[in-house]
Amino acid sequence: MRYAGLAFQMMTTLGLGVFAGYKLDQKMGWRFPLFLIIFSLLALAILLWQIIKDTRR
């Protein structure tokens, strides 16, 4: 029961990272999706840190 919301939290965090990166790439007008990649990887790093922190308890 403790980890019931973990999947939703993961989808939300990754979704927000991808969305923010996509919108920023559109605003900058670049062909290469640099911010999409950066924000996606940053969201994944935050998720992994959160999972490790939660499962250590």
PDB file of N, CA and C in Angstrom:
ATOM      1  N   MET A   1       0.824  -1.190   0.000  1.00  0.00           N
ATOM      2  CA  MET A   1       0.000   0.000   0.000  1.00  0.00           C
ATOM      3  C   MET A   1       0.871   1.258   0.000  1.00  0.00           C
ATOM      4  N   ARG A   2       2.049   1.106   0.531  1.00  0.00           N
ATOM      5  CA  ARG A   2       2.951   2.244   0.660  1.00  0.00           C
ATOM      6  C   ARG A   2       3.409   2.776  -0.688  1.00  0.00           C
ATOM      7  N   TYR A   3       3.535   1.894  -1.670  1.00  0.00           N
ATOM      8  CA  TYR A   3       4.048   2.273  -2.980  1.00  0.00           C
ATOM      9  C   TYR A   3       2.959   2.341  -4.046  1.00  0.00           C
ATOM     10  N   ALA A   4       1.723   2.485  -3.624  1.00  0.00           N
ATOM     11  CA  ALA A   4       0.608   2.481  -4.570  1.00  0.00           C
ATOM     12  C   ALA A   4       0.670   3.678  -5.517  1.00  0.00           C
ATOM     13  N   GLY A   5       1.070   4.821  -5.040  1.00  0.00           N
ATOM     14  CA  GLY A   5       1.107   6.016  -5.877  1.00  0.00           C
ATOM     15  C   GLY A   5       2.420   6.224  -6.598  1.00  0.00           C
ATOM     16  N   LEU A   6       3.340   5.297  -6.451  1.00  0.00           N
ATOM     17  CA  LEU A   6       4.667   5.456  -7.054  1.00  0.00           C
ATOM     18  C   LEU A   6       4.615   5.432  -8.580  1.00  0.00           C
ATOM     19  N   ALA A   7       3.798   4.569  -9.154  1.00  0.00           N
ATOM     20  CA  ALA A   7       3.695   4.497 -10.619  1.00  0.00           C
ATOM     21  C   ALA A   7       3.092   5.792 -11.172  1.00  0.00           C
ATOM     22  N   PHE A   8       2.062   6.305 -10.515  1.00  0.00           N
ATOM     23  CA  PHE A   8       1.459   7.560 -10.954  1.00  0.00           C
ATOM     24  C   PHE A   8       2.451   8.712 -10.837  1.00  0.00           C
ATOM     25  N   GLN A   9       3.200   8.737  -9.764  1.00  0.00           N
ATOM     26  CA  GLN A   9       4.207   9.780  -9.560  1.00  0.00           C
ATOM     27  C   GLN A   9       5.288   9.703 -10.637  1.00  0.00           C
ATOM     28  N   MET A  10       5.684   8.491 -11.012  1.00  0.00           N
ATOM     29  CA  MET A  10       6.708   8.320 -12.043  1.00  0.00           C
ATOM     30  C   MET A  10       6.200   8.813 -13.397  1.00  0.00           C
ATOM     31  N   MET A  11       4.967   8.435 -13.751  1.00  0.00           N
ATOM     32  CA  MET A  11       4.400   8.869 -15.030  1.00  0.00           C
ATOM     33  C   MET A  11       4.238  10.386 -15.078  1.00  0.00           C
ATOM     34  N   THR A  12       3.808  10.966 -13.984  1.00  0.00           N
ATOM     35  CA  THR A  12       3.593  12.407 -13.936  1.00  0.00           C
ATOM     36  C   THR A  12       4.909  13.162 -14.058  1.00  0.00           C
ATOM     37  N   THR A  13       5.909  12.758 -13.326  1.00  0.00           N
ATOM     38  CA  THR A  13       7.205  13.438 -13.369  1.00  0.00           C
ATOM     39  C   THR A  13       7.841  13.337 -14.745  1.00  0.00           C
ATOM     40  N   LEU A  14       7.833  12.149 -15.317  1.00  0.00           N
ATOM     41  CA  LEU A  14       8.413  11.965 -16.639  1.00  0.00           C
ATOM     42  C   LEU A  14       7.602  12.706 -17.702  1.00  0.00           C
ATOM     43  N   GLY A  15       6.293  12.675 -17.571  1.00  0.00           N
ATOM     44  CA  GLY A  15       5.434  13.394 -18.507  1.00  0.00           C
ATOM     45  C   GLY A  15       5.662  14.892 -18.472  1.00  0.00           C
ATOM     46  N   LEU A  16       5.806  15.450 -17.281  1.00  0.00           N
ATOM     47  CA  LEU A  16       6.077  16.886 -17.158  1.00  0.00           C
ATOM     48  C   LEU A  16       7.442  17.254 -17.738  1.00  0.00           C
ATOM     49  N   GLY A  17       8.429  16.403 -17.519  1.00  0.00           N
ATOM     50  CA  GLY A  17       9.757  16.655 -18.079  1.00  0.00           C
ATOM     51  C   GLY A  17       9.756  16.640 -19.594  1.00  0.00           C
ATOM     52  N   VAL A  18       9.066  15.657 -20.169  1.00  0.00           N
ATOM     53  CA  VAL A  18       8.984  15.562 -21.628  1.00  0.00           C
ATOM     54  C   VAL A  18       8.201  16.740 -22.193  1.00  0.00           C
ATOM     55  N   PHE A  19       7.088  17.071 -21.565  1.00  0.00           N
ATOM     56  CA  PHE A  19       6.263  18.180 -22.041  1.00  0.00           C
ATOM     57  C   PHE A  19       7.019  19.505 -21.983  1.00  0.00           C
ATOM     58  N   ALA A  20       7.695  19.763 -20.873  1.00  0.00           N
ATOM     59  CA  ALA A  20       8.451  21.014 -20.738  1.00  0.00           C
ATOM     60  C   ALA A  20       9.578  21.091 -21.763  1.00  0.00           C
ATOM     61  N   GLY A  21      10.278  19.990 -21.962  1.00  0.00           N
ATOM     62  CA  GLY A  21      11.346  19.966 -22.956  1.00  0.00           C
ATOM     63  C   GLY A  21      10.827  20.167 -24.362  1.00  0.00           C
ATOM     64  N   TYR A  22       9.706  19.541 -24.677  1.00  0.00           N
ATOM     65  CA  TYR A  22       9.101  19.670 -26.004  1.00  0.00           C
ATOM     66  C   TYR A  22       8.667  21.114 -26.270  1.00  0.00           C
ATOM     67  N   LYS A  23       8.004  21.714 -25.302  1.00  0.00           N
ATOM     68  CA  LYS A  23       7.535  23.095 -25.472  1.00  0.00           C
ATOM     69  C   LYS A  23       8.710  24.068 -25.584  1.00  0.00           C
ATOM     70  N   LEU A  24       9.750  23.848 -24.811  1.00  0.00           N
ATOM     71  CA  LEU A  24      10.909  24.724 -24.880  1.00  0.00           C
ATOM     72  C   LEU A  24      11.629  24.572 -26.216  1.00  0.00           C
ATOM     73  N   ASP A  25      11.700  23.359 -26.733  1.00  0.00           N
ATOM     74  CA  ASP A  25      12.290  23.143 -28.062  1.00  0.00           C
ATOM     75  C   ASP A  25      11.461  23.825 -29.149  1.00  0.00           C
ATOM     76  N   GLN A  26      10.148  23.769 -29.014  1.00  0.00           N
ATOM     77  CA  GLN A  26       9.293  24.457 -29.982  1.00  0.00           C
ATOM     78  C   GLN A  26       9.514  25.964 -29.928  1.00  0.00           C
ATOM     79  N   LYS A  27       9.621  26.486 -28.726  1.00  0.00           N
ATOM     80  CA  LYS A  27       9.798  27.925 -28.559  1.00  0.00           C
ATOM     81  C   LYS A  27      11.140  28.388 -29.130  1.00  0.00           C
ATOM     82  N   MET A  28      12.176  27.572 -28.955  1.00  0.00           N
ATOM     83  CA  MET A  28      13.499  27.935 -29.456  1.00  0.00           C
ATOM     84  C   MET A  28      13.595  27.739 -30.967  1.00  0.00           C
ATOM     85  N   GLY A  29      12.780  26.859 -31.531  1.00  0.00           N
ATOM     86  CA  GLY A  29      12.780  26.630 -32.963  1.00  0.00           C
ATOM     87  C   GLY A  29      13.917  25.763 -33.470  1.00  0.00           C
ATOM     88  N   TRP A  30      14.500  24.964 -32.596  1.00  0.00           N
ATOM     89  CA  TRP A  30      15.601  24.100 -32.994  1.00  0.00           C
ATOM     90  C   TRP A  30      15.063  22.813 -33.594  1.00  0.00           C
ATOM     91  N   ARG A  31      15.812  22.237 -34.540  1.00  0.00           N
ATOM     92  CA  ARG A  31      15.424  20.958 -35.132  1.00  0.00           C
ATOM     93  C   ARG A  31      15.804  19.794 -34.231  1.00  0.00           C
ATOM     94  N   PHE A  32      16.928  19.886 -33.563  1.00  0.00           N
ATOM     95  CA  PHE A  32      17.374  18.830 -32.656  1.00  0.00           C
ATOM     96  C   PHE A  32      16.701  19.010 -31.296  1.00  0.00           C
ATOM     97  N   PRO A  33      16.061  17.988 -30.750  1.00  0.00           N
ATOM     98  CA  PRO A  33      15.311  18.120 -29.490  1.00  0.00           C
ATOM     99  C   PRO A  33      16.212  18.099 -28.250  1.00  0.00           C
ATOM    100  N   LEU A  34      17.036  19.104 -28.104  1.00  0.00           N
ATOM    101  CA  LEU A  34      18.005  19.144 -27.010  1.00  0.00           C
ATOM    102  C   LEU A  34      17.334  19.211 -25.643  1.00  0.00           C
ATOM    103  N   PHE A  35      16.405  20.135 -25.469  1.00  0.00           N
ATOM    104  CA  PHE A  35      15.758  20.288 -24.162  1.00  0.00           C
ATOM    105  C   PHE A  35      14.865  19.097 -23.830  1.00  0.00           C
ATOM    106  N   LEU A  36      14.283  18.477 -24.834  1.00  0.00           N
ATOM    107  CA  LEU A  36      13.492  17.274 -24.607  1.00  0.00           C
ATOM    108  C   LEU A  36      14.361  16.170 -24.022  1.00  0.00           C
ATOM    109  N   ILE A  37      15.537  16.006 -24.556  1.00  0.00           N
ATOM    110  CA  ILE A  37      16.459  14.985 -24.059  1.00  0.00           C
ATOM    111  C   ILE A  37      16.953  15.340 -22.652  1.00  0.00           C
ATOM    112  N   ILE A  38      17.343  16.589 -22.460  1.00  0.00           N
ATOM    113  CA  ILE A  38      17.868  17.019 -21.161  1.00  0.00           C
ATOM    114  C   ILE A  38      16.813  16.879 -20.071  1.00  0.00           C
ATOM    115  N   PHE A  39      15.603  17.376 -20.331  1.00  0.00           N
ATOM    116  CA  PHE A  39      14.565  17.329 -19.301  1.00  0.00           C
ATOM    117  C   PHE A  39      14.091  15.903 -19.040  1.00  0.00           C
ATOM    118  N   SER A  40      14.080  15.052 -20.072  1.00  0.00           N
ATOM    119  CA  SER A  40      13.704  13.654 -19.870  1.00  0.00           C
ATOM    120  C   SER A  40      14.728  12.941 -18.982  1.00  0.00           C
ATOM    121  N   LEU A  41      15.994  13.149 -19.271  1.00  0.00           N
ATOM    122  CA  LEU A  41      17.041  12.520 -18.455  1.00  0.00           C
ATOM    123  C   LEU A  41      17.060  13.068 -17.036  1.00  0.00           C
ATOM    124  N   LEU A  42      16.805  14.359 -16.896  1.00  0.00           N
ATOM    125  CA  LEU A  42      16.738  14.961 -15.566  1.00  0.00           C
ATOM    126  C   LEU A  42      15.561  14.383 -14.770  1.00  0.00           C
ATOM    127  N   ALA A  43      14.424  14.209 -15.422  1.00  0.00           N
ATOM    128  CA  ALA A  43      13.264  13.618 -14.755  1.00  0.00           C
ATOM    129  C   ALA A  43      13.559  12.176 -14.348  1.00  0.00           C
ATOM    130  N   LEU A  44      14.234  11.423 -15.201  1.00  0.00           N
ATOM    131  CA  LEU A  44      14.597  10.049 -14.850  1.00  0.00           C
ATOM    132  C   LEU A  44      15.557   9.998 -13.667  1.00  0.00           C
ATOM    133  N   ALA A  45      16.503  10.916 -13.631  1.00  0.00           N
ATOM    134  CA  ALA A  45      17.441  10.960 -12.504  1.00  0.00           C
ATOM    135  C   ALA A  45      16.702  11.284 -11.204  1.00  0.00           C
ATOM    136  N   ILE A  46      15.774  12.215 -11.269  1.00  0.00           N
ATOM    137  CA  ILE A  46      14.987  12.563 -10.083  1.00  0.00           C
ATOM    138  C   ILE A  46      14.144  11.385  -9.638  1.00  0.00           C
ATOM    139  N   LEU A  47      13.560  10.667 -10.593  1.00  0.00           N
ATOM    140  CA  LEU A  47      12.758   9.492 -10.258  1.00  0.00           C
ATOM    141  C   LEU A  47      13.586   8.405  -9.600  1.00  0.00           C
ATOM    142  N   LEU A  48      14.747   8.131 -10.146  1.00  0.00           N
ATOM    143  CA  LEU A  48      15.608   7.106  -9.548  1.00  0.00           C
ATOM    144  C   LEU A  48      16.039   7.490  -8.141  1.00  0.00           C
ATOM    145  N   TRP A  49      16.365   8.752  -7.955  1.00  0.00           N
ATOM    146  CA  TRP A  49      16.747   9.226  -6.619  1.00  0.00           C
ATOM    147  C   TRP A  49      15.584   9.069  -5.642  1.00  0.00           C
ATOM    148  N   GLN A  50      14.376   9.410  -6.095  1.00  0.00           N
ATOM    149  CA  GLN A  50      13.191   9.302  -5.236  1.00  0.00           C
ATOM    150  C   GLN A  50      12.895   7.838  -4.893  1.00  0.00           C
ATOM    151  N   ILE A  51      13.020   6.949  -5.863  1.00  0.00           N
ATOM    152  CA  ILE A  51      12.760   5.525  -5.622  1.00  0.00           C
ATOM    153  C   ILE A  51      13.778   4.963  -4.633  1.00  0.00           C
ATOM    154  N   ILE A  52      15.040   5.294  -4.815  1.00  0.00           N
ATOM    155  CA  ILE A  52      16.076   4.815  -3.893  1.00  0.00           C
ATOM    156  C   ILE A  52      15.836   5.352  -2.496  1.00  0.00           C
ATOM    157  N   LYS A  53      15.471   6.613  -2.404  1.00  0.00           N
ATOM    158  CA  LYS A  53      15.217   7.220  -1.097  1.00  0.00           C
ATOM    159  C   LYS A  53      14.014   6.570  -0.412  1.00  0.00           C
ATOM    160  N   ASP A  54      12.954   6.281  -1.162  1.00  0.00           N
ATOM    161  CA  ASP A  54      11.753   5.699  -0.582  1.00  0.00           C
ATOM    162  C   ASP A  54      11.945   4.232  -0.182  1.00  0.00           C
ATOM    163  N   THR A  55      12.716   3.497  -0.959  1.00  0.00           N
ATOM    164  CA  THR A  55      12.868   2.078  -0.655  1.00  0.00           C
ATOM    165  C   THR A  55      13.908   1.802   0.435  1.00  0.00           C
ATOM    166  N   ARG A  56      14.706   2.762   0.774  1.00  0.00           N
ATOM    167  CA  ARG A  56      15.679   2.557   1.860  1.00  0.00           C
ATOM    168  C   ARG A  56      15.029   2.545   3.232  1.00  0.00           C
ATOM    169  N   ARG A  57      13.896   3.167   3.351  1.00  0.00           N
ATOM    170  CA  ARG A  57      13.238   3.250   4.667  1.00  0.00           C
ATOM    171  C   ARG A  57      12.691   1.937   5.108  1.00  0.00           C
TER     172      ARG A  57
END
